[in-house]
Amino acid sequence: MITHIVCFKLKDGSAESVARTAAVLRDMEGKIEELKYIEVGTDVLHSERSYDIALITKFESMAALEAYQVHPVHKKVIEHMSQVREASVSVDYESPRE
């Protein structure tokens, strides 16, 4: 199992903007076969080092993650994120099968 985590800092960190972007990410659920798990969380601490949104996704294999990266639904999300994000960081790791 591959776990893919991305944290996003938005240009506009208002509650409305964060909620709208979190909804765009959540909308991928059920639309990409390779995407086995998705969780979207929004920051509650709002510290100086906080990011606004965390995306946690899981895939059966690296090949499945690669297919997700080029899926048309994900590409539309990338378009949105490229317009609204100020910064992002990510980590991908092998996790035990659940």
C-alpha atoms as a PDB file:
ATOM      1  CA  MET A   1       0.000   0.000   0.000  1.00  0.00           C
ATOM      2  CA  ILE A   2       1.309   3.469  -0.891  1.00  0.00           C
ATOM      3  CA  THR A   3       0.239   6.412   1.250  1.00  0.00           C
ATOM      4  CA  HIS A   4       0.409   9.838  -0.441  1.00  0.00           C
ATOM      5  CA  ILE A   5       0.095  12.898   1.808  1.00  0.00           C
ATOM      6  CA  VAL A   6       0.015  16.502   0.569  1.00  0.00           C
ATOM      7  CA  CYS A   7      -0.332  19.634   2.680  1.00  0.00           C
ATOM      8  CA  PHE A   8      -1.475  22.850   1.028  1.00  0.00           C
ATOM      9  CA  LYS A   9      -1.073  26.470   2.084  1.00  0.00           C
ATOM     10  CA  LEU A  10      -3.567  28.589   0.178  1.00  0.00           C
ATOM     11  CA  LYS A  11      -3.094  32.128  -1.124  1.00  0.00           C
ATOM     12  CA  ASP A  12      -6.439  32.979   0.498  1.00  0.00           C
ATOM     13  CA  GLY A  13      -6.621  31.281   3.882  1.00  0.00           C
ATOM     14  CA  SER A  14     -10.168  32.440   4.634  1.00  0.00           C
ATOM     15  CA  ALA A  15     -12.597  29.839   5.938  1.00  0.00           C
ATOM     16  CA  GLU A  16     -14.645  30.074   2.729  1.00  0.00           C
ATOM     17  CA  SER A  17     -11.636  29.519   0.469  1.00  0.00           C
ATOM     18  CA  VAL A  18     -10.355  26.606   2.549  1.00  0.00           C
ATOM     19  CA  ALA A  19     -13.815  24.975   2.597  1.00  0.00           C
ATOM     20  CA  ARG A  20     -14.231  25.419  -1.165  1.00  0.00           C
ATOM     21  CA  THR A  21     -10.830  23.880  -1.902  1.00  0.00           C
ATOM     22  CA  ALA A  22     -11.350  21.023   0.566  1.00  0.00           C
ATOM     23  CA  ALA A  23     -14.607  20.242  -1.267  1.00  0.00           C
ATOM     24  CA  VAL A  24     -12.752  20.151  -4.611  1.00  0.00           C
ATOM     25  CA  LEU A  25     -10.338  17.582  -3.143  1.00  0.00           C
ATOM     26  CA  ARG A  26     -13.091  15.488  -1.528  1.00  0.00           C
ATOM     27  CA  ASP A  27     -14.954  15.416  -4.834  1.00  0.00           C
ATOM     28  CA  MET A  28     -12.363  12.949  -6.175  1.00  0.00           C
ATOM     29  CA  GLU A  29     -13.821  10.229  -3.944  1.00  0.00           C
ATOM     30  CA  GLY A  30     -15.419   7.458  -5.971  1.00  0.00           C
ATOM     31  CA  LYS A  31     -14.310   8.929  -9.303  1.00  0.00           C
ATOM     32  CA  ILE A  32     -10.806   7.443  -9.618  1.00  0.00           C
ATOM     33  CA  GLU A  33     -10.630   3.659  -9.513  1.00  0.00           C
ATOM     34  CA  GLU A  34      -7.036   3.578  -8.261  1.00  0.00           C
ATOM     35  CA  LEU A  35      -7.850   5.835  -5.295  1.00  0.00           C
ATOM     36  CA  LYS A  36      -8.579   3.364  -2.476  1.00  0.00           C
ATOM     37  CA  TYR A  37      -8.810   5.864   0.398  1.00  0.00           C
ATOM     38  CA  ILE A  38      -9.109   9.622   0.696  1.00  0.00           C
ATOM     39  CA  GLU A  39      -9.202  11.902   3.708  1.00  0.00           C
ATOM     40  CA  VAL A  40      -9.202  15.695   3.595  1.00  0.00           C
ATOM     41  CA  GLY A  41      -8.625  17.690   6.757  1.00  0.00           C
ATOM     42  CA  THR A  42      -8.534  21.415   7.393  1.00  0.00           C
ATOM     43  CA  ASP A  43      -6.250  23.039   9.942  1.00  0.00           C
ATOM     44  CA  VAL A  44      -7.757  23.899  13.324  1.00  0.00           C
ATOM     45  CA  LEU A  45      -4.646  25.347  14.989  1.00  0.00           C
ATOM     46  CA  HIS A  46      -3.884  28.221  12.591  1.00  0.00           C
ATOM     47  CA  SER A  47      -0.330  28.645  13.853  1.00  0.00           C
ATOM     48  CA  GLU A  48       2.398  30.408  11.905  1.00  0.00           C
ATOM     49  CA  ARG A  49       3.758  27.070  10.654  1.00  0.00           C
ATOM     50  CA  SER A  50       0.353  25.553   9.843  1.00  0.00           C
ATOM     51  CA  TYR A  51      -0.768  24.609   6.369  1.00  0.00           C
ATOM     52  CA  ASP A  52      -4.463  25.012   5.522  1.00  0.00           C
ATOM     53  CA  ILE A  53      -5.409  21.572   4.143  1.00  0.00           C
ATOM     54  CA  ALA A  54      -4.046  18.033   4.415  1.00  0.00           C
ATOM     55  CA  LEU A  55      -4.857  15.413   1.785  1.00  0.00           C
ATOM     56  CA  ILE A  56      -4.232  11.760   2.650  1.00  0.00           C
ATOM     57  CA  THR A  57      -4.723   9.166  -0.077  1.00  0.00           C
ATOM     58  CA  LYS A  58      -3.873   5.466  -0.384  1.00  0.00           C
ATOM     59  CA  PHE A  59      -3.125   3.274  -3.389  1.00  0.00           C
ATOM     60  CA  GLU A  60      -2.464  -0.437  -3.901  1.00  0.00           C
ATOM     61  CA  SER A  61       0.870   0.165  -5.661  1.00  0.00           C
ATOM     62  CA  MET A  62       3.210   2.746  -7.163  1.00  0.00           C
ATOM     63  CA  ALA A  63       1.631   1.977 -10.541  1.00  0.00           C
ATOM     64  CA  ALA A  64      -1.783   2.896  -9.113  1.00  0.00           C
ATOM     65  CA  LEU A  65      -0.378   6.163  -7.711  1.00  0.00           C
ATOM     66  CA  GLU A  66       1.115   6.953 -11.113  1.00  0.00           C
ATOM     67  CA  ALA A  67      -2.236   6.255 -12.816  1.00  0.00           C
ATOM     68  CA  TYR A  68      -3.937   8.607 -10.323  1.00  0.00           C
ATOM     69  CA  GLN A  69      -1.424  11.346 -11.114  1.00  0.00           C
ATOM     70  CA  VAL A  70      -2.514  11.424 -14.778  1.00  0.00           C
ATOM     71  CA  HIS A  71      -6.223  10.654 -14.309  1.00  0.00           C
ATOM     72  CA  PRO A  72      -8.484  13.348 -15.870  1.00  0.00           C
ATOM     73  CA  VAL A  73     -10.339  13.963 -12.581  1.00  0.00           C
ATOM     74  CA  HIS A  74      -7.039  14.494 -10.743  1.00  0.00           C
ATOM     75  CA  LYS A  75      -5.755  16.734 -13.544  1.00  0.00           C
ATOM     76  CA  LYS A  76      -8.799  19.020 -13.023  1.00  0.00           C
ATOM     77  CA  VAL A  77      -7.976  19.158  -9.309  1.00  0.00           C
ATOM     78  CA  ILE A  78      -4.365  20.044 -10.150  1.00  0.00           C
ATOM     79  CA  GLU A  79      -5.653  22.932 -12.293  1.00  0.00           C
ATOM     80  CA  HIS A  80      -7.664  24.259  -9.350  1.00  0.00           C
ATOM     81  CA  MET A  81      -4.823  23.784  -6.891  1.00  0.00           C
ATOM     82  CA  SER A  82      -2.309  25.555  -9.138  1.00  0.00           C
ATOM     83  CA  GLN A  83      -4.546  28.629  -9.023  1.00  0.00           C
ATOM     84  CA  VAL A  84      -5.249  28.677  -5.266  1.00  0.00           C
ATOM     85  CA  ARG A  85      -2.140  27.309  -3.556  1.00  0.00           C
ATOM     86  CA  GLU A  86       0.707  29.357  -2.244  1.00  0.00           C
ATOM     87  CA  ALA A  87       2.789  26.309  -1.316  1.00  0.00           C
ATOM     88  CA  SER A  88       2.554  22.556  -0.913  1.00  0.00           C
ATOM     89  CA  VAL A  89       4.636  19.763   0.563  1.00  0.00           C
ATOM     90  CA  SER A  90       4.197  16.042   0.145  1.00  0.00           C
ATOM     91  CA  VAL A  91       5.412  12.660   1.323  1.00  0.00           C
ATOM     92  CA  ASP A  92       4.819   9.237  -0.201  1.00  0.00           C
ATOM     93  CA  TYR A  93       5.612   6.052   1.680  1.00  0.00           C
ATOM     94  CA  GLU A  94       4.929   2.351   1.761  1.00  0.00           C
ATOM     95  CA  SER A  95       2.469   1.501   4.489  1.00  0.00           C
ATOM     96  CA  PRO A  96       1.277  -1.847   5.797  1.00  0.00           C
ATOM     97  CA  ARG A  97      -1.746  -3.355   4.102  1.00  0.00           C
ATOM     98  CA  GLU A  98      -4.945  -2.658   5.982  1.00  0.00           C
END
